[in-house]
Amino acid sequence: MSDSLDRLYAAVVAAKDLDPAVSKTARLYQRGLPKMAKKLAEEAVEVAIDAVAGTPDAVVRESADLLYNLAVLWAALDVRPADIWAEMDRRERLLGIAEKLPKSAIKQPAKLTKRSAPSIGTRPIVAIEGGRLRKHR
């Protein structure tokens, strides 16, 4: 599989400078990271929807689209497939191939109160309460 993704990545990088009128990849590069991220998220949602619907053929097609959009985003950020494979190897050494890093590895507040609401980085988590958007402080 990594050979296929490496070839896809190389093709995506090569298409960066093509005419956006004829190349979907060049068009994504031209539109920038927000558009690339949006396309990636859309494809991930489509994979999930097709999985819940129990349509394996559609999951296969949408997964290929997801991998394409992931390769485009990687290339735009100068993340090489080898970087991903190295992270996969590191995780396998730590946890085994089928595991992801546990949430306990992330520093969590001991007890959450209204005053000590969780945040992501320096941004507070936003909750919807009673149909209104409210920021925890």
C-alpha atoms as a PDB file:
ATOM      1  CA  MET A   1       0.000   0.000   0.000  1.00  0.00           C
ATOM      2  CA  SER A   2       2.772   2.459   0.812  1.00  0.00           C
ATOM      3  CA  ASP A   3       4.088   2.090  -2.756  1.00  0.00           C
ATOM      4  CA  SER A   4       0.696   3.188  -4.120  1.00  0.00           C
ATOM      5  CA  LEU A   5       0.526   6.139  -1.752  1.00  0.00           C
ATOM      6  CA  ASP A   6       4.105   7.097  -2.571  1.00  0.00           C
ATOM      7  CA  ARG A   7       3.216   7.098  -6.286  1.00  0.00           C
ATOM      8  CA  LEU A   8       0.040   9.082  -5.618  1.00  0.00           C
ATOM      9  CA  TYR A   9       2.025  11.601  -3.565  1.00  0.00           C
ATOM     10  CA  ALA A  10       4.603  11.983  -6.359  1.00  0.00           C
ATOM     11  CA  ALA A  11       1.819  12.537  -8.898  1.00  0.00           C
ATOM     12  CA  VAL A  12       0.179  15.141  -6.648  1.00  0.00           C
ATOM     13  CA  VAL A  13       3.472  17.003  -6.232  1.00  0.00           C
ATOM     14  CA  ALA A  14       4.065  16.865 -10.005  1.00  0.00           C
ATOM     15  CA  ALA A  15       0.588  18.267 -10.697  1.00  0.00           C
ATOM     16  CA  LYS A  16       1.135  21.303  -8.461  1.00  0.00           C
ATOM     17  CA  ASP A  17       2.249  23.539 -11.324  1.00  0.00           C
ATOM     18  CA  LEU A  18      -0.191  22.285 -13.962  1.00  0.00           C
ATOM     19  CA  ASP A  19      -2.956  24.447 -15.400  1.00  0.00           C
ATOM     20  CA  PRO A  20      -5.782  24.689 -12.815  1.00  0.00           C
ATOM     21  CA  ALA A  21      -8.275  24.726 -15.693  1.00  0.00           C
ATOM     22  CA  VAL A  22      -7.388  21.115 -16.536  1.00  0.00           C
ATOM     23  CA  SER A  23      -5.991  19.719 -13.255  1.00  0.00           C
ATOM     24  CA  LYS A  24      -8.108  19.164 -10.161  1.00  0.00           C
ATOM     25  CA  THR A  25      -4.924  18.923  -8.102  1.00  0.00           C
ATOM     26  CA  ALA A  26      -3.576  22.240  -9.401  1.00  0.00           C
ATOM     27  CA  ARG A  27      -6.983  23.786  -8.681  1.00  0.00           C
ATOM     28  CA  LEU A  28      -6.823  22.570  -5.063  1.00  0.00           C
ATOM     29  CA  TYR A  29      -3.320  24.012  -4.678  1.00  0.00           C
ATOM     30  CA  GLN A  30      -4.551  27.319  -6.079  1.00  0.00           C
ATOM     31  CA  ARG A  31      -7.459  27.439  -3.614  1.00  0.00           C
ATOM     32  CA  GLY A  32      -5.182  26.807  -0.643  1.00  0.00           C
ATOM     33  CA  LEU A  33      -5.163  24.867   2.587  1.00  0.00           C
ATOM     34  CA  PRO A  34      -8.714  25.739   3.717  1.00  0.00           C
ATOM     35  CA  LYS A  35     -10.193  24.218   0.555  1.00  0.00           C
ATOM     36  CA  MET A  36      -7.877  21.187   0.793  1.00  0.00           C
ATOM     37  CA  ALA A  37      -8.887  20.584   4.409  1.00  0.00           C
ATOM     38  CA  LYS A  38     -12.572  20.983   3.557  1.00  0.00           C
ATOM     39  CA  LYS A  39     -12.310  18.420   0.730  1.00  0.00           C
ATOM     40  CA  LEU A  40     -10.495  15.991   3.042  1.00  0.00           C
ATOM     41  CA  ALA A  41     -13.202  16.346   5.696  1.00  0.00           C
ATOM     42  CA  GLU A  42     -15.982  15.893   3.124  1.00  0.00           C
ATOM     43  CA  GLU A  43     -14.433  12.657   1.883  1.00  0.00           C
ATOM     44  CA  ALA A  44     -13.980  11.347   5.436  1.00  0.00           C
ATOM     45  CA  VAL A  45     -17.656  12.015   6.146  1.00  0.00           C
ATOM     46  CA  GLU A  46     -18.649  10.238   2.926  1.00  0.00           C
ATOM     47  CA  VAL A  47     -16.603   7.184   3.938  1.00  0.00           C
ATOM     48  CA  ALA A  48     -18.314   7.153   7.338  1.00  0.00           C
ATOM     49  CA  ILE A  49     -21.796   7.529   5.838  1.00  0.00           C
ATOM     50  CA  ASP A  50     -21.185   4.711   3.354  1.00  0.00           C
ATOM     51  CA  ALA A  51     -19.813   2.519   6.155  1.00  0.00           C
ATOM     52  CA  VAL A  52     -22.918   3.067   8.279  1.00  0.00           C
ATOM     53  CA  ALA A  53     -25.074   2.355   5.223  1.00  0.00           C
ATOM     54  CA  GLY A  54     -23.226  -0.942   4.806  1.00  0.00           C
ATOM     55  CA  THR A  55     -22.070  -0.291   1.230  1.00  0.00           C
ATOM     56  CA  PRO A  56     -18.522  -1.678   0.942  1.00  0.00           C
ATOM     57  CA  ASP A  57     -18.128  -0.737  -2.749  1.00  0.00           C
ATOM     58  CA  ALA A  58     -18.918   2.896  -1.943  1.00  0.00           C
ATOM     59  CA  VAL A  59     -16.514   2.778   1.031  1.00  0.00           C
ATOM     60  CA  VAL A  60     -13.771   1.618  -1.345  1.00  0.00           C
ATOM     61  CA  ARG A  61     -14.438   4.434  -3.836  1.00  0.00           C
ATOM     62  CA  GLU A  62     -14.720   7.134  -1.181  1.00  0.00           C
ATOM     63  CA  SER A  63     -11.627   5.830   0.630  1.00  0.00           C
ATOM     64  CA  ALA A  64      -9.625   6.269  -2.573  1.00  0.00           C
ATOM     65  CA  ASP A  65     -10.919   9.860  -2.785  1.00  0.00           C
ATOM     66  CA  LEU A  66     -10.001  10.356   0.886  1.00  0.00           C
ATOM     67  CA  LEU A  67      -6.443   9.143   0.305  1.00  0.00           C
ATOM     68  CA  TYR A  68      -6.090  11.410  -2.743  1.00  0.00           C
ATOM     69  CA  ASN A  69      -7.190  14.468  -0.753  1.00  0.00           C
ATOM     70  CA  LEU A  70      -4.932  13.460   2.138  1.00  0.00           C
ATOM     71  CA  ALA A  71      -1.963  13.245  -0.258  1.00  0.00           C
ATOM     72  CA  VAL A  72      -2.787  16.732  -1.597  1.00  0.00           C
ATOM     73  CA  LEU A  73      -2.869  18.164   1.923  1.00  0.00           C
ATOM     74  CA  TRP A  74       0.371  16.400   2.848  1.00  0.00           C
ATOM     75  CA  ALA A  75       2.108  17.757  -0.243  1.00  0.00           C
ATOM     76  CA  ALA A  76       0.889  21.296   0.426  1.00  0.00           C
ATOM     77  CA  LEU A  77       2.375  21.120   3.925  1.00  0.00           C
ATOM     78  CA  ASP A  78       5.554  19.407   2.745  1.00  0.00           C
ATOM     79  CA  VAL A  79       4.707  16.306   4.756  1.00  0.00           C
ATOM     80  CA  ARG A  80       6.112  13.272   2.974  1.00  0.00           C
ATOM     81  CA  PRO A  81       4.612   9.795   3.137  1.00  0.00           C
ATOM     82  CA  ALA A  82       7.928   8.695   4.708  1.00  0.00           C
ATOM     83  CA  ASP A  83       7.125  11.036   7.632  1.00  0.00           C
ATOM     84  CA  ILE A  84       3.826   9.216   8.160  1.00  0.00           C
ATOM     85  CA  TRP A  85       5.456   5.772   7.871  1.00  0.00           C
ATOM     86  CA  ALA A  86       8.059   6.825  10.470  1.00  0.00           C
ATOM     87  CA  GLU A  87       5.279   7.861  12.873  1.00  0.00           C
ATOM     88  CA  MET A  88       3.473   4.567  12.237  1.00  0.00           C
ATOM     89  CA  ASP A  89       6.707   2.664  13.008  1.00  0.00           C
ATOM     90  CA  ARG A  90       7.211   4.698  16.197  1.00  0.00           C
ATOM     91  CA  ARG A  91       3.671   3.941  17.377  1.00  0.00           C
ATOM     92  CA  GLU A  92       4.036   0.264  16.542  1.00  0.00           C
ATOM     93  CA  ARG A  93       7.164   0.083  18.697  1.00  0.00           C
ATOM     94  CA  LEU A  94       5.312   1.746  21.587  1.00  0.00           C
ATOM     95  CA  LEU A  95       1.860   0.188  21.396  1.00  0.00           C
ATOM     96  CA  GLY A  96       1.561  -2.387  18.633  1.00  0.00           C
ATOM     97  CA  ILE A  97       0.399  -1.898  15.087  1.00  0.00           C
ATOM     98  CA  ALA A  98      -3.337  -1.707  15.760  1.00  0.00           C
ATOM     99  CA  GLU A  99      -3.291   0.894  18.505  1.00  0.00           C
ATOM    100  CA  LYS A 100      -3.324   4.670  18.518  1.00  0.00           C
ATOM    101  CA  LEU A 101      -1.845   6.840  21.222  1.00  0.00           C
ATOM    102  CA  PRO A 102      -3.991   6.695  24.371  1.00  0.00           C
ATOM    103  CA  LYS A 103      -5.858   9.788  25.518  1.00  0.00           C
ATOM    104  CA  SER A 104      -4.154   9.430  28.911  1.00  0.00           C
ATOM    105  CA  ALA A 105      -0.919  10.547  27.242  1.00  0.00           C
ATOM    106  CA  ILE A 106      -2.526  13.966  26.795  1.00  0.00           C
ATOM    107  CA  LYS A 107      -2.490  16.161  29.900  1.00  0.00           C
ATOM    108  CA  GLN A 108      -6.074  16.336  31.210  1.00  0.00           C
ATOM    109  CA  PRO A 109      -7.380  18.587  33.991  1.00  0.00           C
ATOM    110  CA  ALA A 110      -7.991  16.603  37.204  1.00  0.00           C
ATOM    111  CA  LYS A 111     -11.517  17.891  37.834  1.00  0.00           C
ATOM    112  CA  LEU A 112     -13.660  20.012  35.542  1.00  0.00           C
ATOM    113  CA  THR A 113     -15.701  22.826  37.022  1.00  0.00           C
ATOM    114  CA  LYS A 114     -17.504  25.689  35.414  1.00  0.00           C
ATOM    115  CA  ARG A 115     -14.420  27.849  36.041  1.00  0.00           C
ATOM    116  CA  SER A 116     -11.890  25.277  34.787  1.00  0.00           C
ATOM    117  CA  ALA A 117     -13.518  24.220  31.521  1.00  0.00           C
ATOM    118  CA  PRO A 118     -11.279  22.261  29.164  1.00  0.00           C
ATOM    119  CA  SER A 119      -9.541  23.981  26.316  1.00  0.00           C
ATOM    120  CA  ILE A 120      -7.624  22.978  23.246  1.00  0.00           C
ATOM    121  CA  GLY A 121      -4.334  24.832  23.344  1.00  0.00           C
ATOM    122  CA  THR A 122      -5.312  28.348  24.316  1.00  0.00           C
ATOM    123  CA  ARG A 123      -8.775  28.106  22.734  1.00  0.00           C
ATOM    124  CA  PRO A 124     -11.712  27.220  25.028  1.00  0.00           C
ATOM    125  CA  ILE A 125     -14.014  24.388  24.052  1.00  0.00           C
ATOM    126  CA  VAL A 126     -17.329  25.753  22.851  1.00  0.00           C
ATOM    127  CA  ALA A 127     -20.556  24.044  23.936  1.00  0.00           C
ATOM    128  CA  ILE A 128     -24.113  24.416  22.692  1.00  0.00           C
ATOM    129  CA  GLU A 129     -26.561  24.819  25.530  1.00  0.00           C
ATOM    130  CA  GLY A 130     -30.274  25.398  25.083  1.00  0.00           C
ATOM    131  CA  GLY A 131     -29.871  26.072  21.366  1.00  0.00           C
ATOM    132  CA  ARG A 132     -27.442  28.931  21.968  1.00  0.00           C
ATOM    133  CA  LEU A 133     -23.726  28.932  21.450  1.00  0.00           C
ATOM    134  CA  ARG A 134     -21.881  29.566  24.705  1.00  0.00           C
ATOM    135  CA  LYS A 135     -18.147  29.705  25.428  1.00  0.00           C
ATOM    136  CA  HIS A 136     -16.848  28.146  28.608  1.00  0.00           C
ATOM    137  CA  ARG A 137     -14.578  30.497  30.539  1.00  0.00           C
END
